[in-house]
Amino acid sequence: MKGRKPKSFSEKKILGFPGKRKSKPPPKSEKVVAPSYLNSQAKRIFERTAPSVLGMKAAHVDQLADYCRLMARLINQERLIDKEGVLTSGQKKNRVKNPRLQIIREYRLAIQRWAGEFGLTPIGAMRLGDKFDIGVNDDGVLD
């Protein structure tokens, strides 16, 4: 999405509704089914994650499937790192950083981007319109 990320109802309320317009309610979600091309681990992640995505539509299934596939791959890479260790033997029998760590870093970056787009982070959920309590004590002083 280009431009600024939209502000949630809570953020607009704190700022006093700039422009004097009320925020839209959070979007309604559709019940979606995991795609058949996902492996069993990614399907489990999909079934656990899809209900919590605000405004989930059938058109978003492939993007959420990508997120779930990345999560499954990340879990597998982390297990391999646990077995092999962070340092492995290099070409000259010296200890070098395990190359899987770079793969894990790239997976985490992609997962973080998808999580923000789907509202799976607290800030991402607020931007999509979730009534997330951000811990601000609104005692009416600024009203």
Protein backbone atom coordinates (compact mmCIF):
# COMPACT_ATOMS: atom_id res chain seq x y z
CA MET A 1 0.00 0.00 0.00
CA LYS A 2 1.44 3.37 -1.00
CA GLY A 3 1.35 6.41 1.21
CA ARG A 4 0.72 6.64 4.91
CA LYS A 5 -0.87 3.76 6.73
CA PRO A 6 -4.41 4.62 7.83
CA LYS A 7 -4.96 5.43 11.50
CA SER A 8 -7.32 3.39 13.62
CA PHE A 9 -10.40 4.61 15.41
CA SER A 10 -8.43 4.66 18.70
CA GLU A 11 -5.63 6.77 17.24
CA LYS A 12 -8.12 9.21 15.71
CA LYS A 13 -9.98 9.45 19.01
CA ILE A 14 -6.76 10.35 20.82
CA LEU A 15 -6.01 13.00 18.18
CA GLY A 16 -9.54 14.42 18.43
CA PHE A 17 -10.81 13.19 15.03
CA PRO A 18 -8.83 15.44 12.70
CA GLY A 19 -11.13 16.66 9.95
CA LYS A 20 -14.09 16.02 12.27
CA ARG A 21 -14.88 12.70 10.57
CA LYS A 22 -15.59 9.54 12.50
CA SER A 23 -13.66 6.40 11.66
CA LYS A 24 -15.21 3.47 9.80
CA PRO A 25 -15.97 0.30 11.77
CA PRO A 26 -13.58 -2.63 11.30
CA PRO A 27 -14.19 -4.63 8.12
CA LYS A 28 -16.19 -7.89 8.29
CA SER A 29 -14.35 -11.15 7.67
CA GLU A 30 -15.40 -14.09 5.50
CA LYS A 31 -14.86 -17.72 6.43
CA VAL A 32 -12.07 -19.01 4.22
CA VAL A 33 -10.54 -22.44 3.61
CA ALA A 34 -6.82 -23.21 3.43
CA PRO A 35 -5.58 -23.81 -0.13
CA SER A 36 -4.84 -27.40 -1.08
CA TYR A 37 -1.25 -26.61 -2.12
CA LEU A 38 -0.14 -25.89 1.47
CA ASN A 39 1.61 -28.62 3.41
CA SER A 40 0.02 -29.90 6.63
CA GLN A 41 2.03 -27.61 8.92
CA ALA A 42 1.20 -24.51 6.87
CA LYS A 43 -2.49 -25.54 6.78
CA ARG A 44 -2.56 -25.74 10.57
CA ILE A 45 -1.04 -22.25 10.76
CA PHE A 46 -3.60 -21.02 8.20
CA GLU A 47 -6.55 -22.45 10.14
CA ARG A 48 -5.25 -20.89 13.36
CA THR A 49 -4.49 -17.50 11.79
CA ALA A 50 -7.35 -16.88 9.32
CA PRO A 51 -10.08 -16.24 11.94
CA SER A 52 -8.01 -13.49 13.56
CA VAL A 53 -7.42 -11.55 10.31
CA LEU A 54 -9.65 -8.48 10.15
CA GLY A 55 -11.49 -8.12 6.86
CA MET A 56 -10.36 -11.52 5.56
CA LYS A 57 -11.80 -12.16 2.09
CA ALA A 58 -11.51 -15.06 -0.32
CA ALA A 59 -9.34 -12.83 -2.52
CA HIS A 60 -6.72 -12.65 0.25
CA VAL A 61 -6.30 -16.42 0.65
CA ASP A 62 -3.16 -16.67 -1.48
CA GLN A 63 -1.43 -13.86 0.42
CA LEU A 64 -2.30 -15.42 3.77
CA ALA A 65 -1.15 -18.78 2.40
CA ASP A 66 2.23 -17.19 1.60
CA TYR A 67 2.45 -15.91 5.17
CA CYS A 68 1.63 -19.40 6.51
CA ARG A 69 4.11 -21.09 4.18
CA LEU A 70 6.83 -18.72 5.37
CA MET A 71 5.94 -19.44 9.01
CA ALA A 72 6.15 -23.20 8.39
CA ARG A 73 9.52 -22.82 6.67
CA LEU A 74 10.79 -20.61 9.47
CA ILE A 75 9.83 -23.21 12.06
CA ASN A 76 11.64 -25.92 10.08
CA GLN A 77 14.77 -23.78 9.67
CA GLU A 78 14.79 -22.98 13.40
CA ARG A 79 14.63 -26.72 14.18
CA LEU A 80 17.59 -27.35 11.88
CA ILE A 81 19.55 -24.56 13.57
CA ASP A 82 18.80 -26.17 16.93
CA LYS A 83 20.28 -29.45 15.64
CA GLU A 84 23.25 -28.04 13.71
CA GLY A 85 24.08 -25.07 15.91
CA VAL A 86 24.65 -21.43 15.10
CA LEU A 87 28.26 -22.11 14.08
CA THR A 88 29.19 -24.82 11.59
CA SER A 89 32.40 -26.07 10.03
CA GLY A 90 33.69 -23.99 7.13
CA GLN A 91 35.81 -25.01 4.16
CA LYS A 92 39.08 -24.74 6.08
CA LYS A 93 37.72 -26.49 9.19
CA ASN A 94 37.17 -23.17 10.90
CA ARG A 95 33.89 -22.25 12.58
CA VAL A 96 31.60 -20.02 10.51
CA LYS A 97 28.09 -18.67 10.97
CA ASN A 98 25.46 -21.14 9.80
CA PRO A 99 24.12 -20.01 6.38
CA ARG A 100 20.60 -20.89 7.53
CA LEU A 101 20.66 -17.79 9.74
CA GLN A 102 20.45 -15.55 6.65
CA ILE A 103 17.50 -17.55 5.35
CA ILE A 104 15.81 -17.20 8.73
CA ARG A 105 16.42 -13.44 8.71
CA GLU A 106 14.80 -13.10 5.28
CA TYR A 107 11.81 -15.23 6.32
CA ARG A 108 11.33 -13.11 9.44
CA LEU A 109 11.36 -9.87 7.43
CA ALA A 110 8.77 -11.20 5.00
CA ILE A 111 6.63 -12.56 7.84
CA GLN A 112 6.80 -9.22 9.63
CA ARG A 113 5.60 -7.40 6.50
CA TRP A 114 2.70 -9.82 5.96
CA ALA A 115 1.75 -9.69 9.65
CA GLY A 116 1.49 -5.91 9.46
CA GLU A 117 -0.65 -6.07 6.32
CA PHE A 118 -3.02 -8.62 7.84
CA GLY A 119 -3.30 -6.85 11.18
CA LEU A 120 -1.59 -9.66 13.10
CA THR A 121 0.50 -7.19 15.09
CA PRO A 122 -1.00 -4.76 17.61
CA ILE A 123 -0.24 -1.71 15.45
CA GLY A 124 -1.39 -3.49 12.29
CA ALA A 125 -4.68 -4.40 13.97
CA MET A 126 -5.20 -0.79 15.04
CA ARG A 127 -4.59 0.42 11.50
CA LEU A 128 -7.21 -1.99 10.19
CA GLY A 129 -9.72 -0.63 12.67
CA ASP A 130 -9.60 -3.12 15.54
CA LYS A 131 -10.73 -1.65 18.85
CA PHE A 132 -7.38 -2.54 20.40
CA ASP A 133 -6.82 -1.06 23.86
CA ILE A 134 -3.50 0.72 23.64
CA GLY A 135 -3.35 1.38 27.37
CA VAL A 136 -4.06 5.12 27.23
CA ASN A 137 -5.97 6.31 30.25
CA ASP A 138 -8.68 8.42 28.63
CA ASP A 139 -10.00 10.38 31.60
CA GLY A 140 -11.60 13.06 29.44
CA VAL A 141 -9.06 15.79 30.30
CA LEU A 142 -8.32 16.51 26.63
CA ASP A 143 -12.00 16.55 25.60
